[in-house]
């Protein structure tokens, strides 16, 4: 497949996934892909389209329907010098291979004193908003966040997909790469060749002076739309896209708070145990004196996600919920 970014002003998030993988496969012959239906079918979400044609079955492996087999094979391949990119079709299905992801892969480097590394990427379709129901719609970044030894990436734009995929594949530590289903059709400017986005470096995607909104993945456009509405009311919101949870760029958040003195986290994970709680605790420890108002967390409800659109909207964060949270802080 040719570079899909060549000569184009915009690309889709979906195209960026395939291009990000392809760039790394062109650069390094040790990079291979494996997963269900990623070859001839191009992936259930068409995020691996063209890879089999360009790289062949020696490097693009269709697997049985077994998450344990996929991640177990990827672990073994990584331990012996390859750089596998394994797809778990829905992030909810990470539970099926959780022993590998929580007990085995992140611990090898430590338990061997650095003699063996596991440089692999587990990429997965994440998040709700599409009416896929309770077992195919969860935002599961907070599952991985509980496991020391895993890096966690969750890009919000096509350019970041490509740049962060490059950083993930080149990492000596295992990376869980969350691709949000609700963003697959979204469009953005393509990045230049050799584009790499360091994991652990957040981006200020909107400058503001009155309140800091910290978001991730599909919550970034939600926060941006909320900021546009708030601007009409005279509230100037700054938006920080975390981009990754491990490493966590608290320095960028604290620098923003030094300007705004108010913080709202916007996360699709359930409120109970969400990443926002971790970030808020760091702010309480290291930036309490920067705050002029209580912190607000806008997060998913602690219930299984419903199929019905109207009900799902009640569960996950929306623009209206973010606007309401910011209004309460602006008036504090």
Protein backbone atom coordinates (compact mmCIF):
# COMPACT_ATOMS: atom_id res chain seq x y z
CA UNK A 1 0.00 0.00 0.00
CA UNK A 2 1.21 3.50 -0.76
CA UNK A 3 1.58 6.13 1.94
CA UNK A 4 -2.03 7.31 2.36
CA UNK A 5 -0.85 10.72 3.55
CA UNK A 6 0.96 11.60 0.32
CA UNK A 7 -0.55 14.63 -1.41
CA UNK A 8 -3.59 14.78 0.88
CA UNK A 9 -4.86 17.58 3.09
CA UNK A 10 -6.82 15.30 5.43
CA UNK A 11 -6.93 11.63 6.36
CA UNK A 12 -9.26 9.66 8.58
CA UNK A 13 -8.36 8.25 11.98
CA UNK A 14 -9.07 4.80 10.53
CA UNK A 15 -6.60 5.31 7.68
CA UNK A 16 -4.05 6.66 10.14
CA UNK A 17 -4.02 3.41 12.11
CA UNK A 18 -3.08 1.35 9.04
CA UNK A 19 -0.58 3.97 7.87
CA UNK A 20 1.03 4.21 11.30
CA UNK A 21 1.58 0.45 11.38
CA UNK A 22 2.75 0.37 7.76
CA UNK A 23 5.36 3.08 8.33
CA UNK A 24 6.89 1.05 11.14
CA UNK A 25 6.76 -2.18 9.11
CA UNK A 26 8.57 -0.42 6.25
CA UNK A 27 11.17 0.92 8.66
CA UNK A 28 11.84 -2.27 10.62
CA UNK A 29 11.57 -5.82 9.26
CA UNK A 30 11.13 -7.13 12.83
CA UNK A 31 7.65 -5.56 13.05
CA UNK A 32 4.82 -8.05 12.44
CA UNK A 33 1.05 -7.88 12.91
CA UNK A 34 -1.32 -10.51 14.26
CA UNK A 35 -4.98 -10.69 15.16
CA UNK A 36 -8.42 -11.84 14.07
CA UNK A 37 -9.40 -10.89 10.50
CA UNK A 38 -6.58 -8.37 10.14
CA UNK A 39 -5.33 -9.82 6.85
CA UNK A 40 -7.59 -10.34 3.84
CA UNK A 41 -10.51 -8.69 5.62
CA UNK A 42 -8.46 -5.63 6.59
CA UNK A 43 -9.78 -5.72 10.14
CA UNK A 44 -13.35 -5.56 11.39
CA UNK A 45 -12.98 -1.77 11.58
CA UNK A 46 -10.81 -1.63 8.40
CA UNK A 47 -7.85 -0.39 10.43
CA UNK A 48 -5.41 -2.86 8.86
CA UNK A 49 -6.56 -2.45 5.26
CA UNK A 50 -3.72 -2.90 2.77
CA UNK A 51 -1.20 -4.40 5.15
CA UNK A 52 -1.49 -7.98 3.90
CA UNK A 53 -1.14 -6.86 0.27
CA UNK A 54 2.02 -4.86 1.00
CA UNK A 55 3.76 -7.11 3.53
CA UNK A 56 2.39 -10.57 2.85
CA UNK A 57 1.33 -13.44 5.14
CA UNK A 58 4.86 -13.79 6.57
CA UNK A 59 4.37 -10.52 8.47
CA UNK A 60 0.57 -10.16 8.71
CA UNK A 61 -0.90 -13.11 10.55
CA UNK A 62 -4.61 -13.93 10.73
CA UNK A 63 -5.22 -15.80 13.98
CA UNK A 64 -7.94 -17.99 15.47
CA UNK A 65 -10.58 -16.40 17.66
CA UNK A 66 -8.50 -16.61 20.82
CA UNK A 67 -7.28 -13.53 22.65
CA UNK A 68 -5.01 -15.72 24.76
CA UNK A 69 -3.40 -17.18 21.65
CA UNK A 70 -2.93 -13.73 20.06
CA UNK A 71 -1.31 -12.08 23.06
CA UNK A 72 0.60 -15.19 24.11
CA UNK A 73 2.11 -15.53 20.63
CA UNK A 74 2.94 -11.84 20.61
CA UNK A 75 4.69 -12.16 23.95
CA UNK A 76 6.82 -15.06 22.76
CA UNK A 77 7.67 -13.28 19.51
CA UNK A 78 8.70 -10.13 21.37
CA UNK A 79 10.91 -12.07 23.77
CA UNK A 80 12.83 -13.53 20.83
CA UNK A 81 13.58 -10.29 18.99
CA UNK A 82 10.47 -9.44 16.99
CA UNK A 83 8.29 -6.37 17.48
CA UNK A 84 4.72 -7.65 17.23
CA UNK A 85 1.65 -5.45 16.93
CA UNK A 86 -1.24 -7.56 18.21
CA UNK A 87 -4.87 -6.60 17.74
CA UNK A 88 -7.59 -7.39 20.27
CA UNK A 89 -10.74 -6.57 18.34
CA UNK A 90 -12.65 -4.88 21.18
CA UNK A 91 -10.98 -3.57 24.33
CA UNK A 92 -13.63 -5.35 26.40
CA UNK A 93 -11.98 -8.61 25.25
CA UNK A 94 -8.73 -7.72 27.00
CA UNK A 95 -10.35 -9.54 29.91
CA UNK A 96 -9.94 -12.79 27.96
CA UNK A 97 -6.14 -12.45 27.94
CA UNK A 98 -5.75 -10.57 31.20
CA UNK A 99 -3.27 -13.01 32.74
CA UNK A 100 -0.80 -12.33 29.92
CA UNK A 101 -1.43 -8.59 30.00
CA UNK A 102 -1.37 -8.14 33.77
CA UNK A 103 0.77 -10.97 35.14
CA UNK A 104 3.22 -11.93 32.41
CA UNK A 105 4.07 -9.29 29.79
CA UNK A 106 4.69 -6.27 32.05
CA UNK A 107 6.78 -8.24 34.54
CA UNK A 108 9.32 -10.06 32.34
CA UNK A 109 11.78 -7.18 32.08
CA UNK A 110 11.78 -6.71 35.83
CA UNK A 111 11.86 -10.37 36.80
CA UNK A 112 14.83 -11.03 34.49
CA UNK A 113 16.77 -7.99 35.63
CA UNK A 114 16.50 -6.47 32.17
CA UNK A 115 17.91 -9.50 30.38
CA UNK A 116 14.66 -10.05 28.48
CA UNK A 117 12.38 -7.33 27.17
CA UNK A 118 8.89 -7.60 25.67
CA UNK A 119 8.67 -4.81 23.07
CA UNK A 120 5.15 -5.34 21.81
CA UNK A 121 2.04 -3.30 21.13
CA UNK A 122 -1.45 -4.53 21.96
CA UNK A 123 -3.82 -2.33 19.99
CA UNK A 124 -7.55 -2.42 20.52
CA UNK A 125 -10.82 -0.67 19.60
CA UNK A 126 -12.06 1.15 22.66
CA UNK A 127 -14.98 3.18 23.96
CA UNK A 128 -18.68 3.79 23.48
CA UNK A 129 -21.08 6.18 21.83
CA UNK A 130 -22.05 3.83 19.00
CA UNK A 131 -24.74 1.72 20.69
CA UNK A 132 -22.72 -1.50 20.78
CA UNK A 133 -23.94 -2.47 24.24
CA UNK A 134 -22.37 -3.39 27.55
CA UNK A 135 -19.80 -5.94 26.30
CA UNK A 136 -18.51 -4.01 23.26
CA UNK A 137 -18.52 -0.36 24.36
CA UNK A 138 -16.42 0.01 27.47
CA UNK A 139 -13.56 2.46 27.83
CA UNK A 140 -11.02 0.23 29.54
CA UNK A 141 -7.94 2.42 29.88
CA UNK A 142 -8.43 2.32 33.64
CA UNK A 143 -8.01 -1.48 33.60
CA UNK A 144 -4.51 -1.15 32.16
CA UNK A 145 -3.75 1.82 34.42
CA UNK A 146 -3.78 -0.50 37.44
CA UNK A 147 -0.90 -2.61 36.04
CA UNK A 148 2.67 -1.39 36.62
CA UNK A 149 4.92 -2.01 33.63
CA UNK A 150 2.45 -1.17 30.85
CA UNK A 151 2.50 2.03 28.83
CA UNK A 152 -0.92 3.35 27.78
CA UNK A 153 -1.58 5.37 24.63
CA UNK A 154 -4.93 6.80 23.51
CA UNK A 155 -4.65 9.22 20.57
CA UNK A 156 -7.42 11.65 19.59
CA UNK A 157 -6.31 12.71 16.08
CA UNK A 158 -5.03 10.99 12.94
CA UNK A 159 -1.62 12.68 13.24
CA UNK A 160 -1.28 11.49 16.83
CA UNK A 161 -2.32 7.97 15.83
CA UNK A 162 0.61 7.79 13.42
CA UNK A 163 3.11 9.53 15.68
CA UNK A 164 2.18 7.60 18.79
CA UNK A 165 2.12 4.29 16.93
CA UNK A 166 5.72 4.95 15.92
CA UNK A 167 6.69 5.62 19.53
CA UNK A 168 4.75 2.56 20.74
CA UNK A 169 6.36 0.14 18.28
CA UNK A 170 9.83 1.46 19.10
CA UNK A 171 9.30 1.27 22.87
CA UNK A 172 11.28 -1.36 24.77
CA UNK A 173 8.32 -1.68 27.13
CA UNK A 174 4.90 -3.11 26.24
CA UNK A 175 2.28 -0.58 25.13
CA UNK A 176 -1.50 -0.90 25.17
CA UNK A 177 -2.73 1.27 22.29
CA UNK A 178 -6.39 2.31 22.54
CA UNK A 179 -8.05 3.34 19.26
CA UNK A 180 -11.43 4.91 19.91
CA UNK A 181 -14.23 3.47 17.78
CA UNK A 182 -16.11 6.76 17.86
CA UNK A 183 -13.17 8.56 16.25
CA UNK A 184 -12.47 6.16 13.36
CA UNK A 185 -14.34 8.28 10.80
CA UNK A 186 -12.99 11.58 12.10
CA UNK A 187 -10.57 13.52 9.91
CA UNK A 188 -7.46 15.56 10.46
CA UNK A 189 -4.28 16.83 8.89
CA UNK A 190 -1.77 14.10 8.00
CA UNK A 191 1.61 14.24 9.71
CA UNK A 192 4.92 14.51 7.87
CA UNK A 193 7.12 11.48 7.18
CA UNK A 194 9.05 10.15 10.18
CA UNK A 195 6.51 11.70 12.55
CA UNK A 196 6.96 10.47 16.14
CA UNK A 197 5.01 11.64 19.19
CA UNK A 198 6.74 10.86 22.46
CA UNK A 199 4.57 8.85 24.82
CA UNK A 200 3.97 10.83 27.99
CA UNK A 201 3.82 14.25 26.36
CA UNK A 202 0.39 15.89 26.56
CA UNK A 203 -0.77 18.54 24.08
CA UNK A 204 -2.48 21.86 24.83
CA UNK A 205 -5.01 21.82 21.98
CA UNK A 206 -6.79 25.03 23.00
CA UNK A 207 -5.30 27.92 24.94
CA UNK A 208 -7.42 29.47 27.68
CA UNK A 209 -7.25 31.50 30.88
CA UNK A 210 -10.25 30.60 33.06
CA UNK A 211 -10.40 26.81 33.48
CA UNK A 212 -8.36 23.75 32.47
CA UNK A 213 -10.20 20.82 30.89
CA UNK A 214 -8.14 17.61 30.75
CA UNK A 215 -9.42 14.98 28.33
CA UNK A 216 -8.39 11.83 26.49
CA UNK A 217 -9.29 10.24 23.15
CA UNK A 218 -12.97 10.81 22.20
CA UNK A 219 -13.43 13.18 25.12
CA UNK A 220 -11.06 15.68 23.49
CA UNK A 221 -13.56 16.75 20.79
CA UNK A 222 -16.27 16.76 23.46
CA UNK A 223 -14.16 19.14 25.57
CA UNK A 224 -13.39 21.31 22.53
CA UNK A 225 -17.08 21.65 21.67
CA UNK A 226 -17.87 22.47 25.29
CA UNK A 227 -15.15 25.13 25.25
CA UNK A 228 -16.67 26.69 22.13
CA UNK A 229 -20.06 26.95 23.85
CA UNK A 230 -18.50 28.32 27.02
CA UNK A 231 -16.65 30.97 25.03
CA UNK A 232 -20.03 32.39 24.02
CA UNK A 233 -20.71 32.88 27.75
CA UNK A 234 -17.37 34.57 28.36
CA UNK A 235 -15.61 31.53 29.87
CA UNK A 236 -12.19 30.86 28.31
CA UNK A 237 -11.29 27.17 28.65
CA UNK A 238 -7.88 25.61 28.05
CA UNK A 239 -7.95 22.03 26.74
CA UNK A 240 -5.19 19.53 27.54
CA UNK A 241 -5.19 16.29 25.56
CA UNK A 242 -3.28 13.84 27.76
CA UNK A 243 -2.65 11.50 24.79
CA UNK A 244 -1.20 8.83 27.10
CA UNK A 245 -1.83 7.75 30.68
CA UNK A 246 1.50 6.00 31.26
CA UNK A 247 3.71 7.96 31.24
CA UNK A 248 1.37 10.65 32.61
CA UNK A 249 2.28 14.23 31.77
CA UNK A 250 1.31 15.94 35.01
CA UNK A 251 3.78 18.78 34.33
CA UNK A 252 1.67 20.10 31.43
CA UNK A 253 -1.48 19.92 33.56
CA UNK A 254 0.15 21.77 36.45
CA UNK A 255 1.52 24.42 34.08
CA UNK A 256 -1.99 24.96 32.74
CA UNK A 257 -3.41 25.20 36.26
CA UNK A 258 -0.86 27.87 37.07
CA UNK A 259 -2.70 29.99 34.49
CA UNK A 260 -6.32 28.99 35.10
CA UNK A 261 -6.58 27.91 38.78
CA UNK A 262 -9.53 25.65 37.96
CA UNK A 263 -9.59 22.00 36.84
CA UNK A 264 -12.15 19.70 35.23
CA UNK A 265 -11.24 16.19 34.08
CA UNK A 266 -13.33 14.66 31.29
CA UNK A 267 -13.09 10.88 31.01
CA UNK A 268 -15.18 8.13 29.49
CA UNK A 269 -14.05 5.59 32.08
CA UNK A 270 -16.51 5.03 34.93
CA UNK A 271 -16.14 7.57 37.74
CA UNK A 272 -15.17 4.77 40.11
CA UNK A 273 -11.48 4.13 39.54
CA UNK A 274 -11.14 6.38 36.50
CA UNK A 275 -7.85 7.99 35.49
CA UNK A 276 -9.18 11.37 36.52
CA UNK A 277 -8.99 10.29 40.16
CA UNK A 278 -5.27 9.57 39.77
CA UNK A 279 -4.64 12.91 38.09
CA UNK A 280 -6.63 14.80 40.71
CA UNK A 281 -4.66 13.14 43.50
CA UNK A 282 -1.40 14.30 41.89
CA UNK A 283 -2.78 17.83 41.61
CA UNK A 284 -3.78 17.73 45.28
CA UNK A 285 -0.24 16.64 46.21
CA UNK A 286 1.77 18.86 43.90
CA UNK A 287 -0.48 21.75 42.87
CA UNK A 288 -2.99 22.36 45.64
CA UNK A 289 -1.87 25.96 46.02
CA UNK A 290 -2.67 26.59 42.35
CA UNK A 291 -6.39 25.89 42.84
CA UNK A 292 -8.96 28.61 43.46
CA UNK A 293 -11.95 26.26 43.34
CA UNK A 294 -12.79 22.58 43.95
CA UNK A 295 -11.86 20.08 41.24
CA UNK A 296 -14.66 18.59 39.15
CA UNK A 297 -14.59 15.17 37.45
CA UNK A 298 -16.94 14.49 34.54
CA UNK A 299 -16.89 10.74 33.96
CA UNK A 300 -18.96 7.77 32.91
CA UNK A 301 -21.63 6.46 35.25
CA UNK A 302 -20.86 3.29 37.19
CA UNK A 303 -23.35 1.12 35.30
CA UNK A 304 -23.12 -1.31 32.37
CA UNK A 305 -23.49 0.57 29.09
CA UNK A 306 -26.95 0.28 27.52
CA UNK A 307 -27.66 -0.37 23.82
CA UNK A 308 -30.23 2.41 23.39
CA UNK A 309 -28.71 5.67 22.17
CA UNK A 310 -30.77 7.83 24.50
CA UNK A 311 -29.74 5.74 27.50
CA UNK A 312 -26.07 5.50 26.49
CA UNK A 313 -25.97 9.30 26.30
CA UNK A 314 -27.09 9.41 29.92
CA UNK A 315 -24.14 7.23 30.94
CA UNK A 316 -21.13 8.68 29.09
CA UNK A 317 -19.90 12.30 29.27
CA UNK A 318 -21.53 14.79 26.90
CA UNK A 319 -20.89 18.38 25.93
CA UNK A 320 -23.81 19.48 28.09
CA UNK A 321 -22.39 17.70 31.15
CA UNK A 322 -18.99 19.33 30.65
CA UNK A 323 -20.51 22.77 30.17
CA UNK A 324 -22.53 22.37 33.39
CA UNK A 325 -19.43 21.34 35.36
CA UNK A 326 -17.43 24.31 34.08
CA UNK A 327 -20.25 26.74 34.82
CA UNK A 328 -20.31 25.60 38.43
CA UNK A 329 -16.59 26.28 38.74
CA UNK A 330 -16.70 29.60 36.91
CA UNK A 331 -19.28 30.82 39.40
CA UNK A 332 -17.42 29.50 42.46
